[in-house]
């Protein structure tokens, strides 16, 4: 009889068989601050926005920091499952790692650790994660108001959504969400 598969403890399982909306967190290797400063954060954010668009994922919220990022996005309508998430993040991570390693003259350095994904099947879960991502810079103590952090979607969201929608989403509690955020981003982010 074959032995049951035991999940590898350092690689979270990615169950991407269903199309839908996903909450994603990715971390740098050993939580190192490879993206300190406005110039590096700008490139990471631009990379995330352009690669998700290229792969057909529709972003709802995002936040990038010196050692991690979060986003909420819908998988492409043209796919029956969300299997393109892995290849999309691999493409993004390879591209961004090559760029930052070239910048730091460290061509073989390991930049990204892994990513964690959660399919958001319930409306309340989606709305809580949207608030979580928008407010993440506030949670980390980088800004007093989410819209003041330029490397996230909060300002865009507040400009484009109705005031009632903004109030509604910002009321959702995030303190009991699973998958804790124990990252301490660098405070060097200002443009």
N, C-alpha and C. Protein backbone atom coordinates (compact mmCIF):
# COMPACT_ATOMS: atom_id res chain seq x y z
N UNK A 1 0.84 -1.17 0.00
CA UNK A 1 0.00 0.00 0.00
C UNK A 1 0.89 1.24 0.00
N UNK A 2 0.60 2.26 -0.87
CA UNK A 2 1.43 3.46 -0.90
C UNK A 2 1.23 4.29 0.37
N UNK A 3 2.31 4.96 0.74
CA UNK A 3 2.24 5.83 1.92
C UNK A 3 1.43 7.07 1.58
N UNK A 4 0.65 7.57 2.55
CA UNK A 4 -0.11 8.80 2.27
C UNK A 4 0.83 9.97 2.08
N UNK A 5 0.42 10.90 1.23
CA UNK A 5 1.22 12.10 1.00
C UNK A 5 1.19 12.98 2.23
N UNK A 6 2.34 13.41 2.66
CA UNK A 6 2.45 14.33 3.78
C UNK A 6 2.83 15.68 3.21
N UNK A 7 2.05 16.71 3.52
CA UNK A 7 2.40 18.03 2.96
C UNK A 7 3.74 18.53 3.48
N UNK A 8 4.51 19.08 2.61
CA UNK A 8 5.81 19.65 2.97
C UNK A 8 5.58 20.85 3.86
N UNK A 9 6.22 20.94 5.01
CA UNK A 9 5.88 21.99 5.97
C UNK A 9 6.24 23.41 5.52
N UNK A 10 7.13 23.55 4.56
CA UNK A 10 7.55 24.88 4.14
C UNK A 10 6.88 25.32 2.85
N UNK A 11 6.03 24.50 2.31
CA UNK A 11 5.35 24.84 1.07
C UNK A 11 3.86 24.67 1.27
N UNK A 12 3.13 25.75 1.42
CA UNK A 12 1.70 25.61 1.64
C UNK A 12 1.03 24.98 0.43
N UNK A 13 -0.01 24.17 0.66
CA UNK A 13 -0.70 23.58 -0.49
C UNK A 13 -1.46 24.66 -1.25
N UNK A 14 -1.44 24.55 -2.56
CA UNK A 14 -2.15 25.50 -3.41
C UNK A 14 -3.27 24.74 -4.10
N UNK A 15 -4.47 24.89 -3.58
CA UNK A 15 -5.64 24.20 -4.13
C UNK A 15 -6.36 25.18 -5.06
N UNK A 16 -5.99 25.14 -6.31
CA UNK A 16 -6.46 26.14 -7.27
C UNK A 16 -7.38 25.52 -8.32
N UNK A 17 -8.22 24.59 -7.88
CA UNK A 17 -9.09 23.90 -8.83
C UNK A 17 -10.34 24.69 -9.17
N UNK A 18 -10.65 25.71 -8.38
CA UNK A 18 -11.87 26.48 -8.63
C UNK A 18 -11.55 27.92 -9.01
N UNK A 19 -12.22 28.38 -10.05
CA UNK A 19 -12.14 29.79 -10.41
C UNK A 19 -12.79 30.59 -9.29
N UNK A 20 -12.30 31.79 -9.04
CA UNK A 20 -12.90 32.59 -8.00
C UNK A 20 -12.00 33.74 -7.58
N UNK A 21 -12.24 34.21 -6.36
CA UNK A 21 -11.49 35.33 -5.81
C UNK A 21 -10.53 34.78 -4.76
N UNK A 22 -9.28 35.24 -4.82
CA UNK A 22 -8.24 34.73 -3.94
C UNK A 22 -7.56 35.86 -3.18
N UNK A 23 -7.23 35.55 -1.95
CA UNK A 23 -6.38 36.41 -1.12
C UNK A 23 -5.00 35.78 -1.15
N UNK A 24 -3.98 36.56 -1.51
CA UNK A 24 -2.62 36.05 -1.66
C UNK A 24 -1.65 36.89 -0.84
N UNK A 25 -0.73 36.20 -0.17
CA UNK A 25 0.37 36.84 0.53
C UNK A 25 1.66 36.18 0.05
N UNK A 26 2.66 36.98 -0.27
CA UNK A 26 3.97 36.46 -0.65
C UNK A 26 5.02 37.16 0.20
N UNK A 27 6.07 36.42 0.51
CA UNK A 27 7.11 36.92 1.40
C UNK A 27 8.49 36.79 0.76
N UNK A 28 9.36 37.73 1.11
CA UNK A 28 10.75 37.59 0.71
C UNK A 28 11.40 36.49 1.55
N UNK A 29 12.47 35.95 1.05
CA UNK A 29 13.20 34.90 1.75
C UNK A 29 13.74 35.46 3.07
N UNK A 30 13.43 34.79 4.15
CA UNK A 30 13.82 35.17 5.51
C UNK A 30 13.35 36.58 5.89
N UNK A 31 12.30 37.04 5.22
CA UNK A 31 11.69 38.34 5.48
C UNK A 31 12.68 39.51 5.36
N UNK A 32 13.67 39.34 4.50
CA UNK A 32 14.68 40.38 4.29
C UNK A 32 14.04 41.54 3.51
N UNK A 33 14.45 42.75 3.82
CA UNK A 33 13.89 43.96 3.22
C UNK A 33 14.58 44.30 1.89
N UNK A 34 14.31 43.51 0.87
CA UNK A 34 14.92 43.74 -0.44
C UNK A 34 14.30 44.93 -1.16
N UNK A 35 13.12 45.37 -0.71
CA UNK A 35 12.41 46.43 -1.42
C UNK A 35 12.27 47.69 -0.57
N UNK A 36 13.38 48.04 0.11
CA UNK A 36 13.41 49.27 0.90
C UNK A 36 13.45 50.47 -0.03
N UNK A 37 12.69 51.48 0.29
CA UNK A 37 12.74 52.73 -0.47
C UNK A 37 11.69 52.81 -1.55
N UNK A 38 11.35 54.03 -1.89
CA UNK A 38 10.28 54.31 -2.84
C UNK A 38 10.56 53.73 -4.23
N UNK A 39 11.79 53.80 -4.71
CA UNK A 39 12.10 53.32 -6.06
C UNK A 39 11.84 51.82 -6.18
N UNK A 40 12.26 51.06 -5.19
CA UNK A 40 12.08 49.61 -5.23
C UNK A 40 10.60 49.24 -5.04
N UNK A 41 9.93 49.93 -4.15
CA UNK A 41 8.50 49.66 -3.96
C UNK A 41 7.72 49.99 -5.22
N UNK A 42 8.10 51.05 -5.89
CA UNK A 42 7.44 51.44 -7.14
C UNK A 42 7.57 50.32 -8.18
N UNK A 43 8.76 49.76 -8.31
CA UNK A 43 8.98 48.68 -9.29
C UNK A 43 8.18 47.43 -8.90
N UNK A 44 8.18 47.09 -7.62
CA UNK A 44 7.43 45.92 -7.17
C UNK A 44 5.93 46.11 -7.43
N UNK A 45 5.40 47.28 -7.09
CA UNK A 45 3.98 47.54 -7.32
C UNK A 45 3.66 47.52 -8.81
N UNK A 46 4.47 48.18 -9.61
CA UNK A 46 4.24 48.20 -11.06
C UNK A 46 4.31 46.79 -11.63
N UNK A 47 5.26 45.99 -11.15
CA UNK A 47 5.37 44.60 -11.59
C UNK A 47 4.13 43.81 -11.25
N UNK A 48 3.65 43.94 -10.01
CA UNK A 48 2.44 43.23 -9.60
C UNK A 48 1.24 43.63 -10.46
N UNK A 49 1.07 44.93 -10.66
CA UNK A 49 -0.07 45.42 -11.45
C UNK A 49 0.01 44.96 -12.90
N UNK A 50 1.19 45.02 -13.50
CA UNK A 50 1.29 44.65 -14.91
C UNK A 50 1.21 43.14 -15.13
N UNK A 51 1.80 42.35 -14.24
CA UNK A 51 1.78 40.89 -14.43
C UNK A 51 0.38 40.33 -14.18
N UNK A 52 -0.32 40.83 -13.16
CA UNK A 52 -1.69 40.34 -12.94
C UNK A 52 -2.57 40.68 -14.15
N UNK A 53 -2.39 41.86 -14.70
CA UNK A 53 -3.16 42.24 -15.89
C UNK A 53 -2.81 41.34 -17.07
N UNK A 54 -1.51 41.10 -17.26
CA UNK A 54 -1.04 40.25 -18.35
C UNK A 54 -1.63 38.84 -18.26
N UNK A 55 -1.78 38.31 -17.05
CA UNK A 55 -2.31 36.96 -16.86
C UNK A 55 -3.84 36.94 -16.73
N UNK A 56 -4.47 38.11 -16.81
CA UNK A 56 -5.93 38.17 -16.79
C UNK A 56 -6.56 38.16 -15.41
N UNK A 57 -5.77 38.37 -14.36
CA UNK A 57 -6.31 38.42 -13.01
C UNK A 57 -6.78 39.85 -12.74
N UNK A 58 -7.95 39.99 -12.13
CA UNK A 58 -8.51 41.32 -11.85
C UNK A 58 -8.29 41.65 -10.38
N UNK A 59 -7.41 42.63 -10.13
CA UNK A 59 -7.10 43.04 -8.76
C UNK A 59 -8.24 43.84 -8.15
N UNK A 60 -8.52 43.55 -6.90
CA UNK A 60 -9.50 44.32 -6.12
C UNK A 60 -8.78 45.15 -5.05
N UNK A 61 -7.67 44.64 -4.53
CA UNK A 61 -6.90 45.34 -3.50
C UNK A 61 -5.48 44.80 -3.52
N UNK A 62 -4.51 45.67 -3.19
CA UNK A 62 -3.12 45.24 -3.11
C UNK A 62 -2.36 46.15 -2.15
N UNK A 63 -1.29 45.62 -1.61
CA UNK A 63 -0.39 46.40 -0.76
C UNK A 63 0.99 45.75 -0.86
N UNK A 64 2.00 46.55 -1.19
CA UNK A 64 3.36 46.03 -1.28
C UNK A 64 4.24 46.72 -0.24
N UNK A 65 5.15 45.93 0.33
CA UNK A 65 6.03 46.41 1.39
C UNK A 65 7.45 45.93 1.11
N UNK A 66 8.36 46.31 1.97
CA UNK A 66 9.78 45.99 1.75
C UNK A 66 10.08 44.50 1.79
N UNK A 67 9.22 43.69 2.46
CA UNK A 67 9.51 42.26 2.57
C UNK A 67 8.30 41.36 2.33
N UNK A 68 7.20 41.90 1.87
CA UNK A 68 6.04 41.07 1.55
C UNK A 68 5.01 41.89 0.77
N UNK A 69 4.03 41.18 0.27
CA UNK A 69 2.89 41.86 -0.35
C UNK A 69 1.64 41.02 -0.16
N UNK A 70 0.50 41.68 -0.29
CA UNK A 70 -0.81 41.04 -0.23
C UNK A 70 -1.62 41.52 -1.43
N UNK A 71 -2.52 40.68 -1.89
CA UNK A 71 -3.52 41.15 -2.84
C UNK A 71 -4.76 40.28 -2.79
N UNK A 72 -5.86 40.87 -3.26
CA UNK A 72 -7.11 40.16 -3.48
C UNK A 72 -7.41 40.32 -4.95
N UNK A 73 -7.66 39.19 -5.64
CA UNK A 73 -7.90 39.26 -7.08
C UNK A 73 -8.83 38.14 -7.53
N UNK A 74 -9.53 38.41 -8.63
CA UNK A 74 -10.41 37.42 -9.26
C UNK A 74 -9.62 36.71 -10.35
N UNK A 75 -9.77 35.39 -10.39
CA UNK A 75 -9.11 34.63 -11.46
C UNK A 75 -9.77 34.98 -12.79
N UNK A 76 -9.07 34.71 -13.89
CA UNK A 76 -9.60 35.07 -15.22
C UNK A 76 -10.91 34.36 -15.54
N UNK A 77 -11.84 35.09 -16.13
CA UNK A 77 -13.13 34.52 -16.55
C UNK A 77 -12.95 33.46 -17.63
N UNK A 78 -11.85 33.54 -18.35
CA UNK A 78 -11.61 32.62 -19.46
C UNK A 78 -11.11 31.26 -19.01
N UNK A 79 -10.81 31.11 -17.71
CA UNK A 79 -10.30 29.83 -17.19
C UNK A 79 -11.37 29.15 -16.34
N UNK A 80 -11.35 27.83 -16.33
CA UNK A 80 -12.30 27.08 -15.50
C UNK A 80 -11.77 26.87 -14.09
N UNK A 81 -10.51 27.16 -13.88
CA UNK A 81 -9.91 27.05 -12.55
C UNK A 81 -8.92 28.20 -12.37
N UNK A 82 -8.27 28.24 -11.23
CA UNK A 82 -7.34 29.33 -10.93
C UNK A 82 -5.88 28.89 -11.05
N UNK A 83 -5.64 27.89 -11.86
CA UNK A 83 -4.30 27.30 -11.97
C UNK A 83 -3.24 28.28 -12.46
N UNK A 84 -3.62 29.37 -13.09
CA UNK A 84 -2.62 30.32 -13.59
C UNK A 84 -2.00 31.16 -12.47
N UNK A 85 -2.53 31.07 -11.24
CA UNK A 85 -1.97 31.84 -10.14
C UNK A 85 -0.51 31.49 -9.91
N UNK A 86 -0.19 30.21 -9.83
CA UNK A 86 1.19 29.78 -9.59
C UNK A 86 2.15 30.26 -10.67
N UNK A 87 1.85 29.98 -11.95
CA UNK A 87 2.73 30.48 -13.01
C UNK A 87 2.84 32.00 -13.04
N UNK A 88 1.74 32.70 -12.73
CA UNK A 88 1.78 34.16 -12.71
C UNK A 88 2.74 34.66 -11.62
N UNK A 89 2.63 34.11 -10.42
CA UNK A 89 3.51 34.56 -9.33
C UNK A 89 4.95 34.13 -9.57
N UNK A 90 5.14 32.96 -10.17
CA UNK A 90 6.50 32.54 -10.52
C UNK A 90 7.12 33.55 -11.51
N UNK A 91 6.36 33.92 -12.52
CA UNK A 91 6.83 34.89 -13.51
C UNK A 91 7.18 36.21 -12.84
N UNK A 92 6.27 36.71 -11.99
CA UNK A 92 6.51 37.96 -11.27
C UNK A 92 7.75 37.86 -10.40
N UNK A 93 7.87 36.79 -9.63
CA UNK A 93 8.99 36.66 -8.69
C UNK A 93 10.32 36.53 -9.42
N UNK A 94 10.36 35.79 -10.50
CA UNK A 94 11.61 35.66 -11.27
C UNK A 94 12.01 37.02 -11.84
N UNK A 95 11.04 37.70 -12.43
CA UNK A 95 11.32 39.00 -13.06
C UNK A 95 11.81 40.03 -12.02
N UNK A 96 11.11 40.13 -10.91
CA UNK A 96 11.47 41.11 -9.87
C UNK A 96 12.77 40.71 -9.18
N UNK A 97 12.98 39.42 -8.94
CA UNK A 97 14.23 38.97 -8.30
C UNK A 97 15.44 39.28 -9.19
N UNK A 98 15.30 39.05 -10.47
CA UNK A 98 16.42 39.37 -11.38
C UNK A 98 16.72 40.86 -11.35
N UNK A 99 15.67 41.67 -11.34
CA UNK A 99 15.86 43.12 -11.32
C UNK A 99 16.58 43.56 -10.04
N UNK A 100 16.08 43.14 -8.87
CA UNK A 100 16.67 43.60 -7.61
C UNK A 100 18.07 43.00 -7.42
N UNK A 101 18.29 41.79 -7.89
CA UNK A 101 19.62 41.19 -7.78
C UNK A 101 20.63 41.88 -8.71
N UNK A 102 20.17 42.30 -9.86
CA UNK A 102 21.05 43.06 -10.76
C UNK A 102 21.40 44.41 -10.12
N UNK A 103 20.41 45.03 -9.51
CA UNK A 103 20.61 46.31 -8.83
C UNK A 103 21.63 46.19 -7.70
N UNK A 104 21.57 45.09 -6.95
CA UNK A 104 22.47 44.88 -5.81
C UNK A 104 23.72 44.07 -6.16
N UNK A 105 23.91 43.74 -7.43
CA UNK A 105 25.06 42.94 -7.89
C UNK A 105 25.19 41.62 -7.13
N UNK A 106 24.05 40.94 -6.95
CA UNK A 106 24.00 39.62 -6.29
C UNK A 106 23.17 38.68 -7.15
N UNK A 107 23.72 38.21 -8.27
CA UNK A 107 22.93 37.49 -9.27
C UNK A 107 22.27 36.19 -8.80
N UNK A 108 22.82 35.51 -7.83
CA UNK A 108 22.28 34.21 -7.43
C UNK A 108 21.52 34.24 -6.11
N UNK A 109 21.25 35.42 -5.61
CA UNK A 109 20.59 35.53 -4.31
C UNK A 109 19.14 35.06 -4.40
N UNK A 110 18.70 34.36 -3.38
CA UNK A 110 17.32 33.88 -3.26
C UNK A 110 16.48 35.04 -2.70
N UNK A 111 15.53 35.56 -3.46
CA UNK A 111 14.76 36.73 -3.05
C UNK A 111 13.40 36.36 -2.46
N UNK A 112 12.66 35.50 -3.12
CA UNK A 112 11.30 35.18 -2.69
C UNK A 112 11.25 33.85 -1.96
N UNK A 113 10.40 33.77 -0.95
CA UNK A 113 10.26 32.53 -0.19
C UNK A 113 9.13 31.68 -0.75
N UNK A 114 7.91 32.13 -0.62
CA UNK A 114 6.76 31.37 -1.06
C UNK A 114 5.56 32.28 -1.08
N UNK A 115 4.42 31.71 -1.42
CA UNK A 115 3.18 32.47 -1.34
C UNK A 115 2.10 31.59 -0.73
N UNK A 116 1.13 32.26 -0.13
CA UNK A 116 0.00 31.60 0.50
C UNK A 116 -1.26 32.14 -0.16
N UNK A 117 -2.18 31.25 -0.50
CA UNK A 117 -3.42 31.68 -1.13
C UNK A 117 -4.62 31.10 -0.39
N UNK A 118 -5.69 31.86 -0.41
CA UNK A 118 -6.96 31.43 0.17
C UNK A 118 -8.06 31.81 -0.79
N UNK A 119 -8.87 30.84 -1.16
CA UNK A 119 -10.03 31.16 -2.01
C UNK A 119 -11.11 31.73 -1.11
N UNK A 120 -11.66 32.86 -1.51
CA UNK A 120 -12.66 33.58 -0.73
C UNK A 120 -14.04 33.24 -1.28
N UNK A 121 -14.68 32.28 -0.67
CA UNK A 121 -15.96 31.78 -1.19
C UNK A 121 -17.16 32.50 -0.60
N UNK A 122 -16.97 33.22 0.50
CA UNK A 122 -18.09 33.91 1.14
C UNK A 122 -17.90 35.43 1.04
N UNK A 123 -18.99 36.13 0.86
CA UNK A 123 -18.94 37.59 0.71
C UNK A 123 -18.30 38.27 1.92
N UNK A 124 -18.65 37.84 3.12
CA UNK A 124 -18.09 38.46 4.33
C UNK A 124 -16.58 38.28 4.38
N UNK A 125 -16.12 37.11 3.98
CA UNK A 125 -14.68 36.84 3.96
C UNK A 125 -13.97 37.74 2.95
N UNK A 126 -14.57 37.91 1.79
CA UNK A 126 -14.01 38.80 0.77
C UNK A 126 -13.92 40.23 1.29
N UNK A 127 -15.00 40.73 1.86
CA UNK A 127 -15.02 42.12 2.32
C UNK A 127 -14.03 42.35 3.46
N UNK A 128 -13.90 41.38 4.35
CA UNK A 128 -12.92 41.50 5.44
C UNK A 128 -11.50 41.52 4.89
N UNK A 129 -11.21 40.69 3.88
CA UNK A 129 -9.86 40.68 3.30
C UNK A 129 -9.58 41.95 2.52
N UNK A 130 -10.59 42.50 1.86
CA UNK A 130 -10.40 43.79 1.17
C UNK A 130 -10.00 44.86 2.18
N UNK A 131 -10.70 44.92 3.30
CA UNK A 131 -10.36 45.88 4.34
C UNK A 131 -8.96 45.61 4.88
N UNK A 132 -8.64 44.34 5.10
CA UNK A 132 -7.33 43.97 5.63
C UNK A 132 -6.21 44.47 4.72
N UNK A 133 -6.34 44.22 3.43
CA UNK A 133 -5.30 44.63 2.49
C UNK A 133 -5.20 46.15 2.41
N UNK A 134 -6.34 46.83 2.29
CA UNK A 134 -6.31 48.29 2.23
C UNK A 134 -5.68 48.90 3.48
N UNK A 135 -5.97 48.33 4.64
CA UNK A 135 -5.52 48.90 5.92
C UNK A 135 -4.17 48.35 6.40
N UNK A 136 -3.51 47.54 5.60
CA UNK A 136 -2.30 46.88 6.08
C UNK A 136 -1.17 47.83 6.44
N UNK A 137 -1.02 48.91 5.71
CA UNK A 137 0.04 49.89 6.04
C UNK A 137 -0.25 50.57 7.38
N UNK A 138 -1.52 50.75 7.71
CA UNK A 138 -1.90 51.30 9.01
C UNK A 138 -1.58 50.29 10.10
N UNK A 139 -1.93 49.02 9.85
CA UNK A 139 -1.66 47.94 10.81
C UNK A 139 -0.17 47.87 11.15
N UNK A 140 0.68 48.07 10.14
CA UNK A 140 2.13 48.03 10.34
C UNK A 140 2.69 49.33 10.90
N UNK A 141 1.85 50.33 11.13
CA UNK A 141 2.30 51.58 11.73
C UNK A 141 3.05 52.50 10.78
N UNK A 142 2.86 52.31 9.47
CA UNK A 142 3.58 53.14 8.49
C UNK A 142 2.88 54.47 8.22
N UNK A 143 1.56 54.49 8.34
CA UNK A 143 0.76 55.69 8.10
C UNK A 143 -0.44 55.69 9.04
N UNK A 144 -0.99 56.88 9.34
CA UNK A 144 -2.20 56.90 10.17
C UNK A 144 -3.47 56.60 9.36
N UNK A 145 -3.45 56.91 8.07
CA UNK A 145 -4.59 56.65 7.18
C UNK A 145 -4.11 55.83 5.99
N UNK A 146 -4.86 54.80 5.64
CA UNK A 146 -4.45 53.89 4.56
C UNK A 146 -4.18 54.62 3.25
N UNK A 147 -5.00 55.62 2.94
CA UNK A 147 -4.85 56.33 1.66
C UNK A 147 -3.54 57.12 1.57
N UNK A 148 -2.81 57.26 2.66
CA UNK A 148 -1.53 57.99 2.64
C UNK A 148 -0.36 57.10 2.21
N UNK A 149 -0.57 55.79 2.14
CA UNK A 149 0.51 54.88 1.74
C UNK A 149 0.39 54.66 0.22
N UNK A 150 1.36 55.14 -0.56
CA UNK A 150 1.22 55.10 -2.02
C UNK A 150 1.40 53.73 -2.65
N UNK A 151 1.83 52.74 -1.91
CA UNK A 151 2.14 51.44 -2.49
C UNK A 151 1.03 50.43 -2.22
N UNK A 152 -0.19 50.94 -2.13
CA UNK A 152 -1.35 50.07 -1.94
C UNK A 152 -2.54 50.68 -2.68
N UNK A 153 -3.63 49.96 -2.66
CA UNK A 153 -4.81 50.35 -3.43
C UNK A 153 -5.78 51.22 -2.66
N UNK A 154 -5.51 51.55 -1.41
CA UNK A 154 -6.48 52.28 -0.58
C UNK A 154 -6.89 53.62 -1.19
N UNK A 155 -5.95 54.42 -1.63
CA UNK A 155 -6.29 55.74 -2.21
C UNK A 155 -7.11 55.57 -3.48
N UNK A 156 -6.71 54.62 -4.32
CA UNK A 156 -7.47 54.32 -5.55
C UNK A 156 -8.90 53.89 -5.20
N UNK A 157 -9.02 52.98 -4.22
CA UNK A 157 -10.32 52.49 -3.79
C UNK A 157 -11.20 53.64 -3.29
N UNK A 158 -10.64 54.50 -2.46
CA UNK A 158 -11.41 55.60 -1.90
C UNK A 158 -11.84 56.61 -2.97
N UNK A 159 -11.05 56.74 -4.04
CA UNK A 159 -11.41 57.65 -5.14
C UNK A 159 -12.48 57.06 -6.06
N UNK A 160 -12.45 55.74 -6.27
CA UNK A 160 -13.30 55.13 -7.30
C UNK A 160 -14.57 54.48 -6.76
N UNK A 161 -14.57 54.04 -5.52
CA UNK A 161 -15.77 53.41 -4.95
C UNK A 161 -16.68 54.49 -4.37
N UNK A 162 -17.92 54.14 -4.21
CA UNK A 162 -18.86 55.08 -3.60
C UNK A 162 -18.50 55.26 -2.12
N UNK A 163 -18.79 56.43 -1.55
CA UNK A 163 -18.52 56.62 -0.12
C UNK A 163 -19.19 55.57 0.75
N UNK A 164 -20.39 55.13 0.37
CA UNK A 164 -21.09 54.09 1.15
C UNK A 164 -20.33 52.77 1.10
N UNK A 165 -19.79 52.43 -0.07
CA UNK A 165 -19.02 51.18 -0.20
C UNK A 165 -17.74 51.26 0.63
N UNK A 166 -17.05 52.38 0.58
CA UNK A 166 -15.82 52.56 1.36
C UNK A 166 -16.13 52.39 2.84
N UNK A 167 -17.15 53.06 3.33
CA UNK A 167 -17.53 52.94 4.76
C UNK A 167 -17.89 51.51 5.10
N UNK A 168 -18.62 50.86 4.23
CA UNK A 168 -19.06 49.49 4.48
C UNK A 168 -17.86 48.53 4.60
N UNK A 169 -16.95 48.61 3.65
CA UNK A 169 -15.79 47.71 3.68
C UNK A 169 -14.87 48.04 4.83
N UNK A 170 -14.65 49.31 5.12
CA UNK A 170 -13.75 49.69 6.21
C UNK A 170 -14.31 49.35 7.59
N UNK A 171 -15.58 48.98 7.68
CA UNK A 171 -16.16 48.56 8.96
C UNK A 171 -15.88 47.10 9.29
N UNK A 172 -15.49 46.31 8.30
CA UNK A 172 -15.29 44.88 8.54
C UNK A 172 -14.11 44.64 9.47
N UNK A 173 -14.32 43.79 10.45
CA UNK A 173 -13.28 43.44 11.42
C UNK A 173 -12.25 42.52 10.74
N UNK A 174 -10.98 42.74 11.05
CA UNK A 174 -9.92 41.91 10.47
C UNK A 174 -9.06 41.23 11.53
N UNK A 175 -9.34 41.49 12.80
CA UNK A 175 -8.47 40.98 13.86
C UNK A 175 -8.52 39.47 14.03
N UNK A 176 -9.54 38.80 13.50
CA UNK A 176 -9.65 37.35 13.67
C UNK A 176 -9.35 36.58 12.38
N UNK A 177 -8.82 37.26 11.38
CA UNK A 177 -8.48 36.57 10.14
C UNK A 177 -7.30 35.64 10.37
N UNK A 178 -7.37 34.47 9.74
CA UNK A 178 -6.28 33.51 9.87
C UNK A 178 -5.14 33.90 8.95
N UNK A 179 -3.96 33.33 9.23
CA UNK A 179 -2.78 33.60 8.40
C UNK A 179 -2.11 34.88 8.81
N UNK A 180 -1.75 34.97 10.07
CA UNK A 180 -1.19 36.19 10.65
C UNK A 180 -0.13 36.87 9.82
N UNK A 181 -0.03 38.13 10.02
CA UNK A 181 0.91 38.97 9.29
C UNK A 181 1.99 39.42 10.27
N UNK A 182 3.01 38.58 10.44
CA UNK A 182 4.08 38.90 11.41
C UNK A 182 5.28 39.56 10.74
N UNK A 183 5.06 40.17 9.59
CA UNK A 183 6.12 40.87 8.89
C UNK A 183 6.28 42.26 9.50
N UNK A 184 7.50 42.73 9.53
CA UNK A 184 7.77 44.09 9.99
C UNK A 184 8.42 44.82 8.82
N UNK A 185 7.61 45.51 8.01
CA UNK A 185 8.19 46.19 6.86
C UNK A 185 9.06 47.37 7.29
N UNK A 186 9.99 47.69 6.44
CA UNK A 186 10.89 48.82 6.68
C UNK A 186 10.10 50.13 6.57
N UNK A 187 10.44 51.07 7.40
CA UNK A 187 9.74 52.36 7.38
C UNK A 187 10.23 53.29 6.28
N UNK A 188 11.26 52.89 5.54
CA UNK A 188 11.79 53.70 4.44
C UNK A 188 10.96 53.43 3.19
N UNK A 189 9.86 54.17 3.02
CA UNK A 189 8.97 53.95 1.89
C UNK A 189 8.58 55.25 1.18
N UNK A 190 8.89 56.37 1.77
CA UNK A 190 8.38 57.64 1.23
C UNK A 190 8.98 57.98 -0.13
N UNK A 191 8.09 58.50 -1.01
CA UNK A 191 8.57 58.91 -2.36
C UNK A 191 9.46 60.14 -2.29
